[in-house]
């Protein structure tokens, strides 16, 4: 029998994720796109709710990583700052 094709398109990662960085202490983390806290929330609303677990700051920056191009841009930014 023919099964439906459940594979992701060639250019898409398996699950989108949100990369988060604290602007005060520089701590970085990520949230899975499948996480209930993230699902369906715009980044603006998400960053208002987040707090750094290291220093307690609410000054956080979030970026959505959905495609390999987004991931490459994120890595280029990190390497450019010497982190």
Protein backbone atom coordinates (compact mmCIF):
# COMPACT_ATOMS: atom_id res chain seq x y z
CA UNK A 1 0.00 0.00 0.00
CA UNK A 2 1.06 3.55 -0.61
CA UNK A 3 1.84 5.45 2.59
CA UNK A 4 1.53 9.23 2.74
CA UNK A 5 4.81 11.10 2.49
CA UNK A 6 5.51 12.49 5.97
CA UNK A 7 9.06 13.63 5.28
CA UNK A 8 10.04 17.27 5.65
CA UNK A 9 10.95 19.29 2.53
CA UNK A 10 14.66 19.25 1.71
CA UNK A 11 15.32 22.79 3.01
CA UNK A 12 13.42 22.60 6.31
CA UNK A 13 14.73 21.44 9.68
CA UNK A 14 12.82 18.71 11.52
CA UNK A 15 11.34 21.10 14.10
CA UNK A 16 11.64 24.86 14.20
CA UNK A 17 13.20 26.28 17.34
CA UNK A 18 13.66 29.60 19.07
CA UNK A 19 17.18 30.69 20.01
CA UNK A 20 17.19 33.00 23.05
CA UNK A 21 20.04 35.21 24.33
CA UNK A 22 20.19 37.29 27.52
CA UNK A 23 21.39 40.79 26.70
CA UNK A 24 22.72 41.32 30.23
CA UNK A 25 24.89 38.27 30.92
CA UNK A 26 25.06 36.71 27.42
CA UNK A 27 23.62 33.33 28.39
CA UNK A 28 22.11 31.45 25.45
CA UNK A 29 19.47 28.78 25.21
CA UNK A 30 16.87 27.40 22.88
CA UNK A 31 13.25 26.36 22.99
CA UNK A 32 11.75 23.73 20.73
CA UNK A 33 8.97 24.81 18.41
CA UNK A 34 6.93 21.91 19.80
CA UNK A 35 7.12 23.32 23.34
CA UNK A 36 3.67 24.34 24.66
CA UNK A 37 5.08 27.69 25.87
CA UNK A 38 6.20 28.54 22.34
CA UNK A 39 3.51 27.07 20.10
CA UNK A 40 1.49 29.79 18.39
CA UNK A 41 3.14 32.71 20.21
CA UNK A 42 4.70 35.57 18.29
CA UNK A 43 8.31 36.30 19.28
CA UNK A 44 7.32 39.67 20.77
CA UNK A 45 4.91 38.04 23.21
CA UNK A 46 7.38 35.28 23.99
CA UNK A 47 10.22 37.66 24.89
CA UNK A 48 7.95 39.60 27.25
CA UNK A 49 7.37 36.42 29.28
CA UNK A 50 10.97 35.18 29.39
CA UNK A 51 13.45 35.80 32.18
CA UNK A 52 17.12 34.75 32.27
CA UNK A 53 17.64 31.87 34.71
CA UNK A 54 21.25 32.97 35.28
CA UNK A 55 20.93 36.66 36.19
CA UNK A 56 17.14 37.20 36.34
CA UNK A 57 17.14 39.87 33.63
CA UNK A 58 14.12 40.30 31.37
CA UNK A 59 16.27 41.80 28.60
CA UNK A 60 16.28 38.85 26.19
CA UNK A 61 16.55 38.58 22.42
CA UNK A 62 14.85 35.76 20.53
CA UNK A 63 15.35 34.53 16.97
CA UNK A 64 13.33 31.91 15.12
CA UNK A 65 15.40 29.23 13.37
CA UNK A 66 13.22 27.60 10.73
CA UNK A 67 15.47 26.99 7.73
CA UNK A 68 19.13 26.13 7.17
CA UNK A 69 19.63 29.75 6.04
CA UNK A 70 18.38 30.97 9.45
CA UNK A 71 20.80 28.59 11.17
CA UNK A 72 23.70 29.76 9.00
CA UNK A 73 22.87 33.41 9.77
CA UNK A 74 22.77 32.65 13.50
CA UNK A 75 26.14 30.90 13.41
CA UNK A 76 27.67 33.70 11.32
CA UNK A 77 26.47 36.26 13.90
CA UNK A 78 27.96 34.25 16.76
CA UNK A 79 31.32 33.80 15.04
CA UNK A 80 31.47 37.46 14.01
CA UNK A 81 31.26 38.59 17.63
CA UNK A 82 34.04 36.25 18.70
CA UNK A 83 31.85 34.23 21.06
